[in-house]
Each structure stands twice: as C-alpha cells, then as structure tokens.
C-alpha cells in the first residue's frame, strides 16, 4: 500500500507530512518508557510484513498489520509505523522519503481510528472481543485503501481507475488481516495478556 514518489501533488504531500508530524507528536507524548520494547517489536513486525509486496500501479499490495498495531498501541502506532516506513524507504526504496508523510497517514490513521472504534468490543469477554479483533484488522485495511484512493483522486481525476483498483485489490487482504489480527489477539489473551494492557487503560 506504499504510494510511490512522483505520483502525488505537492499539496497532498504537504498535507500528509503535516498530519504525520502531528500524529507522531501525539504518539510520542503518549509513549510510556516501559512500552518501548513492545513498540519496537511491533514496528519490526510491520516492517517485515510489508517487505513482500505485489506492485499494482503506483501502489503495492502486501500485509500491513496496522489494525493489530492500532489495537495494541493506539496513538503510539503512528511513530512506530513512521519509523518502519522510513527504514523501508531508505533501505529498499519502498514508497520514498517525499511520500513518507502521506504513507504514514494512510497506514497509521486507520490504526488509531480502530483502536478507539473497537476498544469497547475488545474489552468484552468471548465472542464480542473476537469480533472486535477481526473487525479491527479488516477495517484498518479498508480505511487505508480509502485513504490511498482519496490521495490519488485529490491529486488528479486521471487516477480514478487506479483508486478503484486499489480498493478492489485490497478486499482479500482485509479478510486475511482480520483473521491474523483475531488469532494474535486470542493468543495474547491466553499467553501474554500484558500486551493488551492499552485496551483496558
């Protein structure tokens, strides 16, 4: 879901950069010193999951795990995703430095949204929490796809077909990410409940 360099207009790039800076500032303010190892692990997981991707026009299809990061980190997901995207751009030329802000917003904003949207469900026992976990993973991908589409269409109407392709191509990834987020959530519930402490804070 990386948007490549040279695609977006300067206005979209500037807006994305500004939003990314604000989100990162909020995330760093909420970052607890003791949570840094957990944040680092999740940022590394995001980094690795995004390495294998299939290029589709100006974007790439791959696992994102932003729903899982939002579920576990809330606002702290923004700097965690920013760092992973920065390293991907620097080391592998995925996306690029000029689109770093937009790509961060595309992946981190849905993560934060899902944290607040589904936290009530995730706090409940049994099936409700499982539904919330699946929805968190799936919704984050849906919203990321929509944000990519908005960024492309805002740049120019010529990208309308590409935006539609992005949304359609991410439907199976929504389901896959929902299932992955569900299983990881259930695993943490049983084995490492301290990983879920942000949900109950």
Protein backbone atom coordinates (compact mmCIF):
# COMPACT_ATOMS: atom_id res chain seq x y z
CA UNK A 1 0.00 0.00 0.00
CA UNK A 2 3.01 2.25 -0.46
CA UNK A 3 2.35 5.19 -2.75
CA UNK A 4 5.36 5.78 -4.96
CA UNK A 5 7.27 9.02 -5.37
CA UNK A 6 6.37 11.31 -8.23
CA UNK A 7 2.67 10.43 -8.13
CA UNK A 8 1.04 12.85 -5.69
CA UNK A 9 0.67 16.61 -5.95
CA UNK A 10 2.70 18.94 -3.68
CA UNK A 11 -0.47 19.94 -1.81
CA UNK A 12 -1.29 16.32 -0.94
CA UNK A 13 2.33 15.64 0.03
CA UNK A 14 2.40 18.72 2.27
CA UNK A 15 -0.89 17.88 3.93
CA UNK A 16 0.22 14.32 4.58
CA UNK A 17 3.51 15.47 6.05
CA UNK A 18 1.76 17.91 8.39
CA UNK A 19 -0.71 15.30 9.62
CA UNK A 20 2.10 12.77 10.11
CA UNK A 21 4.08 15.24 12.22
CA UNK A 22 1.05 15.97 14.42
CA UNK A 23 0.20 12.29 14.84
CA UNK A 24 3.80 11.41 15.66
CA UNK A 25 3.96 14.16 18.28
CA UNK A 26 0.80 12.86 19.96
CA UNK A 27 2.09 9.28 19.80
CA UNK A 28 5.45 10.16 21.33
CA UNK A 29 3.72 12.11 24.08
CA UNK A 30 1.66 9.02 24.96
CA UNK A 31 4.61 6.63 24.71
CA UNK A 32 5.50 5.04 28.03
CA UNK A 33 9.20 4.30 28.52
CA UNK A 34 8.44 0.72 29.62
CA UNK A 35 6.46 0.10 26.41
CA UNK A 36 9.39 0.84 24.09
CA UNK A 37 10.40 -2.85 23.63
CA UNK A 38 6.81 -3.76 22.69
CA UNK A 39 6.62 -0.84 20.26
CA UNK A 40 9.93 -1.86 18.70
CA UNK A 41 8.74 -5.45 18.19
CA UNK A 42 5.52 -4.32 16.54
CA UNK A 43 7.34 -1.82 14.35
CA UNK A 44 9.69 -4.62 13.24
CA UNK A 45 6.71 -6.90 12.52
CA UNK A 46 5.15 -4.16 10.39
CA UNK A 47 8.48 -3.69 8.60
CA UNK A 48 8.84 -7.40 7.77
CA UNK A 49 5.18 -7.91 6.81
CA UNK A 50 5.41 -5.09 4.27
CA UNK A 51 8.58 -6.37 2.58
CA UNK A 52 6.79 -8.89 0.38
CA UNK A 53 4.53 -6.90 -1.90
CA UNK A 54 2.95 -7.08 -5.33
CA UNK A 55 3.12 -3.81 -7.30
CA UNK A 56 -0.23 -2.62 -8.67
CA UNK A 57 0.14 0.68 -10.50
CA UNK A 58 1.57 3.32 -8.13
CA UNK A 59 0.89 1.21 -5.02
CA UNK A 60 1.91 -2.20 -3.71
CA UNK A 61 -0.27 -4.90 -2.17
CA UNK A 62 1.09 -6.54 0.96
CA UNK A 63 0.26 -7.38 4.56
CA UNK A 64 0.17 -4.23 6.67
CA UNK A 65 -0.82 -5.26 10.23
CA UNK A 66 -1.86 -1.69 11.00
CA UNK A 67 -5.09 -2.90 12.62
CA UNK A 68 -3.06 -5.05 15.00
CA UNK A 69 -0.71 -2.15 15.75
CA UNK A 70 -3.65 0.13 16.44
CA UNK A 71 -5.23 -2.48 18.70
CA UNK A 72 -2.06 -2.84 20.75
CA UNK A 73 -0.59 0.68 20.62
CA UNK A 74 -3.27 3.29 19.98
CA UNK A 75 -1.66 6.64 19.11
CA UNK A 76 1.82 5.18 19.57
CA UNK A 77 1.22 3.25 16.35
CA UNK A 78 1.90 6.49 14.43
CA UNK A 79 5.61 6.85 15.32
CA UNK A 80 6.05 3.07 15.16
CA UNK A 81 4.71 2.97 11.60
CA UNK A 82 6.67 6.09 10.64
CA UNK A 83 9.96 4.50 11.70
CA UNK A 84 9.24 1.29 9.78
CA UNK A 85 8.24 3.20 6.64
CA UNK A 86 11.33 5.40 6.90
CA UNK A 87 13.60 2.34 7.04
CA UNK A 88 11.76 0.70 4.14
CA UNK A 89 12.17 3.82 2.03
CA UNK A 90 15.83 4.17 3.00
CA UNK A 91 16.86 0.53 2.62
CA UNK A 92 14.55 -0.84 -0.07
CA UNK A 93 13.13 2.24 -1.84
CA UNK A 94 9.56 1.23 -0.95
CA UNK A 95 7.45 4.36 -1.24
CA UNK A 96 10.02 7.09 -0.77
CA UNK A 97 11.02 9.93 1.51
CA UNK A 98 8.87 12.56 -0.18
CA UNK A 99 5.73 10.46 0.31
CA UNK A 100 6.69 9.32 3.80
CA UNK A 101 4.14 11.61 5.45
CA UNK A 102 1.25 10.51 3.24
CA UNK A 103 2.13 6.81 3.56
CA UNK A 104 2.32 7.20 7.33
CA UNK A 105 -1.12 8.81 7.47
CA UNK A 106 -2.57 6.19 5.11
CA UNK A 107 -1.46 3.36 7.40
CA UNK A 108 -1.43 4.94 10.86
CA UNK A 109 -4.67 6.96 10.86
CA UNK A 110 -6.82 3.81 10.42
CA UNK A 111 -4.83 2.13 13.19
CA UNK A 112 -5.68 4.91 15.65
CA UNK A 113 -9.30 5.01 14.49
CA UNK A 114 -9.74 1.26 15.01
CA UNK A 115 -8.21 1.47 18.48
CA UNK A 116 -10.97 3.82 19.61
CA UNK A 117 -13.75 2.36 17.46
CA UNK A 118 -13.35 -1.23 18.69
CA UNK A 119 -11.85 -0.84 22.15
CA UNK A 120 -15.31 -1.25 23.72
CA UNK A 121 -15.83 -4.58 21.97
CA UNK A 122 -12.30 -5.77 22.74
CA UNK A 123 -12.88 -5.22 26.45
CA UNK A 124 -15.85 -7.60 26.48
CA UNK A 125 -15.40 -11.34 27.04
CA UNK A 126 -15.90 -14.08 24.48
CA UNK A 127 -17.34 -13.59 21.02
CA UNK A 128 -17.64 -9.80 21.24
CA UNK A 129 -13.89 -9.40 21.70
CA UNK A 130 -13.18 -11.82 18.85
CA UNK A 131 -15.50 -9.89 16.53
CA UNK A 132 -13.81 -6.65 17.57
CA UNK A 133 -10.35 -8.05 16.83
CA UNK A 134 -11.35 -9.28 13.37
CA UNK A 135 -13.11 -6.01 12.60
CA UNK A 136 -10.06 -4.05 13.75
CA UNK A 137 -7.78 -5.82 11.28
CA UNK A 138 -10.24 -5.70 8.38
CA UNK A 139 -11.43 -2.13 8.91
CA UNK A 140 -7.88 -0.77 9.10
CA UNK A 141 -7.14 -2.14 5.62
CA UNK A 142 -10.43 -0.83 4.25
CA UNK A 143 -9.72 2.66 5.59
CA UNK A 144 -6.13 2.58 4.34
CA UNK A 145 -7.39 1.67 0.88
CA UNK A 146 -9.88 4.53 1.02
CA UNK A 147 -7.17 6.98 2.09
CA UNK A 148 -4.93 5.86 -0.79
CA UNK A 149 -7.86 6.38 -3.15
CA UNK A 150 -8.54 9.85 -1.73
CA UNK A 151 -4.87 10.83 -2.04
CA UNK A 152 -4.79 9.70 -5.67
CA UNK A 153 -8.10 11.29 -6.66
CA UNK A 154 -7.18 14.54 -4.88
CA UNK A 155 -4.03 14.65 -6.98
CA UNK A 156 -5.96 14.21 -10.24
CA UNK A 157 -9.10 12.64 -11.68
CA UNK A 158 -6.87 10.62 -14.02
CA UNK A 159 -6.10 8.39 -11.04
CA UNK A 160 -9.76 7.41 -10.55
CA UNK A 161 -9.37 3.99 -12.18
CA UNK A 162 -6.23 3.28 -10.16
CA UNK A 163 -8.05 4.26 -6.96
CA UNK A 164 -10.86 1.83 -7.78
CA UNK A 165 -8.31 -0.91 -8.47
CA UNK A 166 -6.63 -0.26 -5.11
CA UNK A 167 -9.91 -0.69 -3.24
CA UNK A 168 -10.91 -3.87 -5.09
CA UNK A 169 -7.46 -5.45 -4.78
CA UNK A 170 -7.43 -4.97 -1.01
CA UNK A 171 -10.67 -6.88 -0.33
CA UNK A 172 -8.90 -10.25 0.16
CA UNK A 173 -6.21 -8.55 2.24
CA UNK A 174 -8.95 -7.17 4.50
CA UNK A 175 -10.13 -10.70 5.26
CA UNK A 176 -6.60 -12.04 5.75
CA UNK A 177 -5.62 -9.20 8.08
CA UNK A 178 -8.84 -9.62 10.05
CA UNK A 179 -8.07 -13.30 10.63
CA UNK A 180 -4.42 -12.61 11.55
CA UNK A 181 -5.42 -9.87 14.00
CA UNK A 182 -8.05 -12.15 15.54
CA UNK A 183 -5.63 -15.04 16.13
CA UNK A 184 -2.88 -12.82 17.51
CA UNK A 185 -5.38 -11.13 19.83
CA UNK A 186 -6.63 -14.50 21.12
CA UNK A 187 -3.05 -15.70 21.57
CA UNK A 188 -2.12 -12.64 23.62
CA UNK A 189 -5.28 -13.04 25.70
CA UNK A 190 -4.14 -16.51 26.79
CA UNK A 191 -0.35 -16.23 26.83
CA UNK A 192 0.68 -12.55 27.11
CA UNK A 193 -2.27 -10.53 28.45
CA UNK A 194 0.10 -7.67 29.36
CA UNK A 195 0.40 -6.97 25.60
CA UNK A 196 -3.25 -5.91 25.67
CA UNK A 197 -2.99 -3.52 28.60
CA UNK A 198 -3.51 -0.49 26.34
CA UNK A 199 -7.04 -1.66 25.56
CA UNK A 200 -8.03 -1.58 29.23
CA UNK A 201 -6.21 1.64 30.15
